[in-house]
Amino acid sequence: MVALVADIPADADRLEENLTRLASQLLTALTRPEVLRLRRLVIANADVLPELGASWYAQGFERVLATLAATFRRLADEGLLRIDDPLQAAHHLSGLLLWIPVNKAMFHGSPQYGPEELDRYATAGVRAFLGAYR
């Protein structure tokens, strides 16, 4: 997952396409049934085993966010994005992408969306992100 977010080409003409491809891949990976089950398990045990949750977050999501932030910094340096705080921008994109499909899956007990729906969320999230940061 980390390699995926580190490899966004600095191509102005294809920035939206490249970010949308990344977003679709992230959504697909993070809504896999086994990932959702592990997420539920870690969250359910966060009070009892806080070090497990902290480690899972640090080794997974936090690394992806940090790598995405570094990528956004590079794209900003290339003049493709207007970003003051790359880590906050990484959180913004993640929130735009994950809020609906992951939360619905977490509460409903299984993934709720197929590839077409996830692609729609990816497209909409990237467009909103670029509206703020392009």
Protein backbone atom coordinates (compact mmCIF):
# COMPACT_ATOMS: atom_id res chain seq x y z
CA MET A 1 0.00 0.00 0.00
CA VAL A 2 2.84 2.40 0.82
CA ALA A 3 4.46 1.85 -2.59
CA LEU A 4 1.15 2.59 -4.27
CA VAL A 5 0.82 6.09 -2.81
CA ALA A 6 4.50 6.90 -3.39
CA ASP A 7 4.26 6.36 -7.14
CA ILE A 8 1.99 9.15 -8.42
CA PRO A 9 3.62 10.59 -11.56
CA ALA A 10 4.13 14.37 -11.74
CA ASP A 11 2.09 14.74 -14.92
CA ALA A 12 -0.16 17.83 -15.00
CA ASP A 13 -2.29 16.53 -17.86
CA ARG A 14 -3.03 13.23 -16.11
CA LEU A 15 -3.03 14.28 -12.44
CA GLU A 16 -6.75 13.67 -11.92
CA GLU A 17 -6.58 10.33 -13.75
CA ASN A 18 -3.53 9.23 -11.74
CA LEU A 19 -5.05 10.26 -8.40
CA THR A 20 -8.34 8.57 -9.29
CA ARG A 21 -6.54 5.33 -10.14
CA LEU A 22 -4.74 5.52 -6.79
CA ALA A 23 -8.00 6.28 -4.99
CA SER A 24 -9.76 3.30 -6.59
CA GLN A 25 -6.92 0.99 -5.61
CA LEU A 26 -6.92 2.28 -2.02
CA LEU A 27 -10.68 1.87 -1.70
CA THR A 28 -10.53 -1.62 -3.15
CA ALA A 29 -7.75 -2.64 -0.75
CA LEU A 30 -9.30 -1.07 2.36
CA THR A 31 -12.77 -2.51 1.79
CA ARG A 32 -11.64 -6.11 1.35
CA PRO A 33 -13.56 -8.33 3.80
CA GLU A 34 -10.42 -9.50 5.62
CA VAL A 35 -9.21 -5.92 6.10
CA LEU A 36 -12.60 -4.86 7.46
CA ARG A 37 -12.65 -7.85 9.84
CA LEU A 38 -9.16 -7.03 11.11
CA ARG A 39 -10.10 -3.37 11.54
CA ARG A 40 -13.16 -4.34 13.59
CA LEU A 41 -11.10 -6.71 15.72
CA VAL A 42 -8.41 -4.12 16.45
CA ILE A 43 -10.98 -1.42 17.25
CA ALA A 44 -13.00 -3.76 19.47
CA ASN A 45 -9.88 -4.52 21.52
CA ALA A 46 -8.35 -1.03 21.58
CA ASP A 47 -9.15 -0.47 25.26
CA VAL A 48 -7.83 -3.87 26.31
CA LEU A 49 -4.81 -3.94 24.00
CA PRO A 50 -4.01 -0.31 23.17
CA GLU A 51 -0.50 -1.20 21.99
CA LEU A 52 -2.00 -3.49 19.34
CA GLY A 53 -4.18 -0.70 17.97
CA ALA A 54 -1.34 1.81 18.09
CA SER A 55 1.00 -0.57 16.29
CA TRP A 56 -1.60 -1.49 13.65
CA TYR A 57 -2.30 2.19 13.01
CA ALA A 58 1.39 3.17 12.93
CA GLN A 59 2.45 0.32 10.65
CA GLY A 60 -0.52 0.67 8.34
CA PHE A 61 -2.59 3.78 7.97
CA GLU A 62 -0.07 6.22 9.45
CA ARG A 63 2.68 5.00 7.09
CA VAL A 64 0.34 5.37 4.12
CA LEU A 65 -0.60 8.90 5.20
CA ALA A 66 3.05 9.90 5.68
CA THR A 67 3.98 8.51 2.27
CA LEU A 68 1.01 10.21 0.64
CA ALA A 69 2.01 13.47 2.34
CA ALA A 70 5.55 13.16 0.94
CA THR A 71 4.09 12.50 -2.50
CA PHE A 72 1.84 15.56 -2.19
CA ARG A 73 4.86 17.65 -1.16
CA ARG A 74 6.67 16.46 -4.31
CA LEU A 75 3.64 17.25 -6.49
CA ALA A 76 3.39 20.69 -4.85
CA ASP A 77 7.09 21.30 -5.51
CA GLU A 78 6.41 20.41 -9.16
CA GLY A 79 3.64 23.04 -9.19
CA LEU A 80 0.78 20.54 -9.60
CA LEU A 81 -0.82 21.03 -6.17
CA ARG A 82 -1.18 24.00 -3.82
CA ILE A 83 -0.55 22.52 -0.37
CA ASP A 84 0.65 24.18 2.83
CA ASP A 85 0.31 21.09 5.03
CA PRO A 86 0.84 17.85 3.07
CA LEU A 87 -0.13 15.59 5.99
CA GLN A 88 -3.42 17.41 6.44
CA ALA A 89 -4.03 17.10 2.70
CA ALA A 90 -3.36 13.35 2.95
CA HIS A 91 -5.94 13.14 5.75
CA HIS A 92 -8.40 15.14 3.67
CA LEU A 93 -8.10 12.85 0.65
CA SER A 94 -8.37 9.76 2.85
CA GLY A 95 -11.47 11.14 4.54
CA LEU A 96 -13.11 12.01 1.24
CA LEU A 97 -12.47 8.50 -0.03
CA LEU A 98 -13.11 6.33 2.99
CA TRP A 99 -15.83 8.01 5.03
CA ILE A 100 -18.88 6.56 3.32
CA PRO A 101 -17.84 3.10 2.07
CA VAL A 102 -15.72 2.08 5.07
CA ASN A 103 -18.11 3.41 7.71
CA LYS A 104 -21.08 1.76 6.04
CA ALA A 105 -19.19 -1.53 5.82
CA MET A 106 -18.08 -1.27 9.45
CA PHE A 107 -21.65 -0.81 10.67
CA HIS A 108 -23.29 -3.26 8.28
CA GLY A 109 -20.85 -6.11 8.76
CA SER A 110 -19.58 -6.53 5.20
CA PRO A 111 -18.44 -4.55 2.20
CA GLN A 112 -21.45 -2.71 0.80
CA TYR A 113 -20.11 -1.59 -2.56
CA GLY A 114 -18.87 -3.23 -5.74
CA PRO A 115 -16.08 -1.97 -7.99
CA GLU A 116 -18.31 0.46 -9.90
CA GLU A 117 -19.55 2.15 -6.74
CA LEU A 118 -16.03 2.34 -5.31
CA ASP A 119 -14.86 3.93 -8.56
CA ARG A 120 -17.61 6.55 -8.22
CA TYR A 121 -16.45 7.35 -4.68
CA ALA A 122 -12.85 7.54 -5.91
CA THR A 123 -13.78 9.92 -8.74
CA ALA A 124 -15.90 12.17 -6.51
CA GLY A 125 -13.29 12.23 -3.73
CA VAL A 126 -10.46 13.15 -6.08
CA ARG A 127 -12.52 15.88 -7.74
CA ALA A 128 -13.33 17.41 -4.34
CA PHE A 129 -9.68 17.11 -3.29
CA LEU A 130 -8.44 18.77 -6.47
CA GLY A 131 -11.06 21.49 -6.08
CA ALA A 132 -9.34 22.40 -2.83
CA TYR A 133 -5.71 21.71 -3.67
CA ARG A 134 -5.16 22.11 -7.41
